[in-house]
Amino acid sequence: MDRNLLGGSTVLMLLSLLSEGDRYGYEIIRELARRSGDVFCMKEGSLYPVLHRMEARGWVKAYEKEAERGKKRRYYSITAAGRRQLAEEVEHWEEFSRSVERVIRGGARALS
């Protein structure tokens, strides 16, 4: 699988995961890998810049919370603006998917 395909859908997948509940970075990485059958294996160095950009745009909010054994973790929560962005990302993804499907399935046959 071409890992470059991940780039265009990263925000969509991260917002989707966060729409289910708050998560910390490593938890996001694990869940993304699990759900994709290990196709999407993000590294922390790739995840955090995306989360920081999403936070700067107001799509997610970060906060610290103490976990077991007193360790603090940075959790990310989707905002109302993030939910609106998620809806837009889903709409774009569906349009993109339909278009690709029409191309690879041969136009008229994909519409039937």
C-alpha atoms as a PDB file:
ATOM      1  CA  MET A   1       0.000   0.000   0.000  1.00  0.00           C
ATOM      2  CA  ASP A   2       1.340   3.427  -0.945  1.00  0.00           C
ATOM      3  CA  ARG A   3       1.822   5.358   2.295  1.00  0.00           C
ATOM      4  CA  ASN A   4       1.341   8.635   0.394  1.00  0.00           C
ATOM      5  CA  LEU A   5      -2.379   7.874   0.301  1.00  0.00           C
ATOM      6  CA  LEU A   6      -2.459   8.472   4.061  1.00  0.00           C
ATOM      7  CA  GLY A   7      -1.519  12.142   3.686  1.00  0.00           C
ATOM      8  CA  GLY A   8      -4.746  13.262   2.063  1.00  0.00           C
ATOM      9  CA  SER A   9      -6.963  11.454   4.537  1.00  0.00           C
ATOM     10  CA  THR A  10      -5.110  11.985   7.818  1.00  0.00           C
ATOM     11  CA  VAL A  11      -7.304  14.830   9.079  1.00  0.00           C
ATOM     12  CA  LEU A  12     -10.444  12.874   8.189  1.00  0.00           C
ATOM     13  CA  MET A  13      -9.266   9.785  10.078  1.00  0.00           C
ATOM     14  CA  LEU A  14      -8.024  11.689  13.126  1.00  0.00           C
ATOM     15  CA  LEU A  15     -11.195  13.750  13.450  1.00  0.00           C
ATOM     16  CA  SER A  16     -13.231  10.552  13.025  1.00  0.00           C
ATOM     17  CA  LEU A  17     -11.378   8.858  15.875  1.00  0.00           C
ATOM     18  CA  LEU A  18     -11.700  11.922  18.096  1.00  0.00           C
ATOM     19  CA  SER A  19     -15.414  12.219  17.330  1.00  0.00           C
ATOM     20  CA  GLU A  20     -15.828   8.963  19.281  1.00  0.00           C
ATOM     21  CA  GLY A  21     -14.103  10.340  22.365  1.00  0.00           C
ATOM     22  CA  ASP A  22     -11.008  12.031  23.696  1.00  0.00           C
ATOM     23  CA  ARG A  23      -7.718  10.239  23.082  1.00  0.00           C
ATOM     24  CA  TYR A  24      -4.025  10.730  23.768  1.00  0.00           C
ATOM     25  CA  GLY A  25      -1.389  10.477  21.047  1.00  0.00           C
ATOM     26  CA  TYR A  26      -0.219   6.899  21.466  1.00  0.00           C
ATOM     27  CA  GLU A  27      -3.826   5.755  21.758  1.00  0.00           C
ATOM     28  CA  ILE A  28      -4.608   7.455  18.429  1.00  0.00           C
ATOM     29  CA  ILE A  29      -1.622   5.758  16.782  1.00  0.00           C
ATOM     30  CA  ARG A  30      -2.628   2.321  18.114  1.00  0.00           C
ATOM     31  CA  GLU A  31      -6.284   2.661  17.127  1.00  0.00           C
ATOM     32  CA  LEU A  32      -5.447   3.929  13.639  1.00  0.00           C
ATOM     33  CA  ALA A  33      -3.142   0.939  13.092  1.00  0.00           C
ATOM     34  CA  ARG A  34      -5.643  -1.536  14.572  1.00  0.00           C
ATOM     35  CA  ARG A  35      -8.590  -0.363  12.491  1.00  0.00           C
ATOM     36  CA  SER A  36      -6.574  -0.250   9.293  1.00  0.00           C
ATOM     37  CA  GLY A  37      -5.059  -3.695   9.753  1.00  0.00           C
ATOM     38  CA  ASP A  38      -1.663  -2.045  10.282  1.00  0.00           C
ATOM     39  CA  VAL A  39      -1.826  -0.286   6.916  1.00  0.00           C
ATOM     40  CA  PHE A  40      -1.716   3.151   8.573  1.00  0.00           C
ATOM     41  CA  CYS A  41       1.155   3.057  11.043  1.00  0.00           C
ATOM     42  CA  MET A  42       1.820   6.656  12.027  1.00  0.00           C
ATOM     43  CA  LYS A  43       4.861   7.682  14.001  1.00  0.00           C
ATOM     44  CA  GLU A  44       4.670  10.275  16.755  1.00  0.00           C
ATOM     45  CA  GLY A  45       6.783  12.584  14.610  1.00  0.00           C
ATOM     46  CA  SER A  46       4.036  12.551  11.979  1.00  0.00           C
ATOM     47  CA  LEU A  47       1.026  12.604  14.302  1.00  0.00           C
ATOM     48  CA  TYR A  48       1.814  15.535  16.569  1.00  0.00           C
ATOM     49  CA  PRO A  49       2.422  18.144  13.856  1.00  0.00           C
ATOM     50  CA  VAL A  50      -0.999  17.270  12.375  1.00  0.00           C
ATOM     51  CA  LEU A  51      -2.659  17.472  15.806  1.00  0.00           C
ATOM     52  CA  HIS A  52      -0.963  20.836  16.447  1.00  0.00           C
ATOM     53  CA  ARG A  53      -2.189  22.210  13.098  1.00  0.00           C
ATOM     54  CA  MET A  54      -5.690  20.969  13.864  1.00  0.00           C
ATOM     55  CA  GLU A  55      -5.485  22.633  17.277  1.00  0.00           C
ATOM     56  CA  ALA A  56      -4.322  25.911  15.709  1.00  0.00           C
ATOM     57  CA  ARG A  57      -7.338  25.785  13.383  1.00  0.00           C
ATOM     58  CA  GLY A  58      -9.651  25.235  16.342  1.00  0.00           C
ATOM     59  CA  TRP A  59     -10.699  21.726  15.302  1.00  0.00           C
ATOM     60  CA  VAL A  60      -9.311  20.027  18.400  1.00  0.00           C
ATOM     61  CA  LYS A  61      -8.527  21.109  21.920  1.00  0.00           C
ATOM     62  CA  ALA A  62      -5.691  19.626  23.986  1.00  0.00           C
ATOM     63  CA  TYR A  63      -5.638  19.166  27.734  1.00  0.00           C
ATOM     64  CA  GLU A  64      -3.565  17.250  30.257  1.00  0.00           C
ATOM     65  CA  LYS A  65      -4.980  14.549  32.445  1.00  0.00           C
ATOM     66  CA  GLU A  66      -3.294  12.359  35.003  1.00  0.00           C
ATOM     67  CA  ALA A  67      -3.327   8.661  34.144  1.00  0.00           C
ATOM     68  CA  GLU A  68      -2.494   5.633  36.260  1.00  0.00           C
ATOM     69  CA  ARG A  69       0.685   5.840  38.285  1.00  0.00           C
ATOM     70  CA  GLY A  70       0.591   9.640  38.217  1.00  0.00           C
ATOM     71  CA  LYS A  71       1.781   9.999  34.629  1.00  0.00           C
ATOM     72  CA  LYS A  72       0.297  13.003  32.814  1.00  0.00           C
ATOM     73  CA  ARG A  73      -0.989  12.520  29.308  1.00  0.00           C
ATOM     74  CA  ARG A  74      -2.003  15.081  26.727  1.00  0.00           C
ATOM     75  CA  TYR A  75      -5.482  14.295  25.457  1.00  0.00           C
ATOM     76  CA  TYR A  76      -7.130  15.682  22.351  1.00  0.00           C
ATOM     77  CA  SER A  77     -10.818  16.487  22.079  1.00  0.00           C
ATOM     78  CA  ILE A  78     -12.790  17.427  18.978  1.00  0.00           C
ATOM     79  CA  THR A  79     -14.483  20.849  19.061  1.00  0.00           C
ATOM     80  CA  ALA A  80     -17.710  22.032  17.426  1.00  0.00           C
ATOM     81  CA  ALA A  81     -15.592  23.503  14.617  1.00  0.00           C
ATOM     82  CA  GLY A  82     -13.853  20.134  14.342  1.00  0.00           C
ATOM     83  CA  ARG A  83     -17.190  18.364  13.962  1.00  0.00           C
ATOM     84  CA  ARG A  84     -18.127  20.760  11.162  1.00  0.00           C
ATOM     85  CA  GLN A  85     -14.759  20.131   9.520  1.00  0.00           C
ATOM     86  CA  LEU A  86     -15.262  16.379   9.897  1.00  0.00           C
ATOM     87  CA  ALA A  87     -18.599  16.619   8.076  1.00  0.00           C
ATOM     88  CA  GLU A  88     -16.885  18.550   5.278  1.00  0.00           C
ATOM     89  CA  GLU A  89     -14.011  16.045   5.126  1.00  0.00           C
ATOM     90  CA  VAL A  90     -16.473  13.132   4.930  1.00  0.00           C
ATOM     91  CA  GLU A  91     -18.357  14.866   2.120  1.00  0.00           C
ATOM     92  CA  HIS A  92     -15.113  15.428   0.177  1.00  0.00           C
ATOM     93  CA  TRP A  93     -13.982  11.850   0.803  1.00  0.00           C
ATOM     94  CA  GLU A  94     -17.271  10.418  -0.446  1.00  0.00           C
ATOM     95  CA  GLU A  95     -17.139  12.536  -3.591  1.00  0.00           C
ATOM     96  CA  PHE A  96     -13.513  11.544  -4.172  1.00  0.00           C
ATOM     97  CA  SER A  97     -14.288   7.845  -3.584  1.00  0.00           C
ATOM     98  CA  ARG A  98     -17.225   7.896  -5.998  1.00  0.00           C
ATOM     99  CA  SER A  99     -15.100   9.581  -8.644  1.00  0.00           C
ATOM    100  CA  VAL A 100     -12.258   7.095  -8.287  1.00  0.00           C
ATOM    101  CA  GLU A 101     -14.757   4.240  -8.380  1.00  0.00           C
ATOM    102  CA  ARG A 102     -16.242   5.537 -11.646  1.00  0.00           C
ATOM    103  CA  VAL A 103     -12.802   5.770 -13.209  1.00  0.00           C
ATOM    104  CA  ILE A 104     -11.581   2.317 -12.188  1.00  0.00           C
ATOM    105  CA  ARG A 105     -14.914   0.573 -12.819  1.00  0.00           C
ATOM    106  CA  GLY A 106     -15.528   2.114 -16.211  1.00  0.00           C
ATOM    107  CA  GLY A 107     -17.920   5.045 -15.961  1.00  0.00           C
ATOM    108  CA  ALA A 108     -21.480   3.909 -16.686  1.00  0.00           C
ATOM    109  CA  ARG A 109     -21.032   0.536 -14.987  1.00  0.00           C
ATOM    110  CA  ALA A 110     -20.081   2.269 -11.721  1.00  0.00           C
ATOM    111  CA  LEU A 111     -23.357   4.210 -11.801  1.00  0.00           C
ATOM    112  CA  SER A 112     -25.560   1.094 -12.094  1.00  0.00           C
END
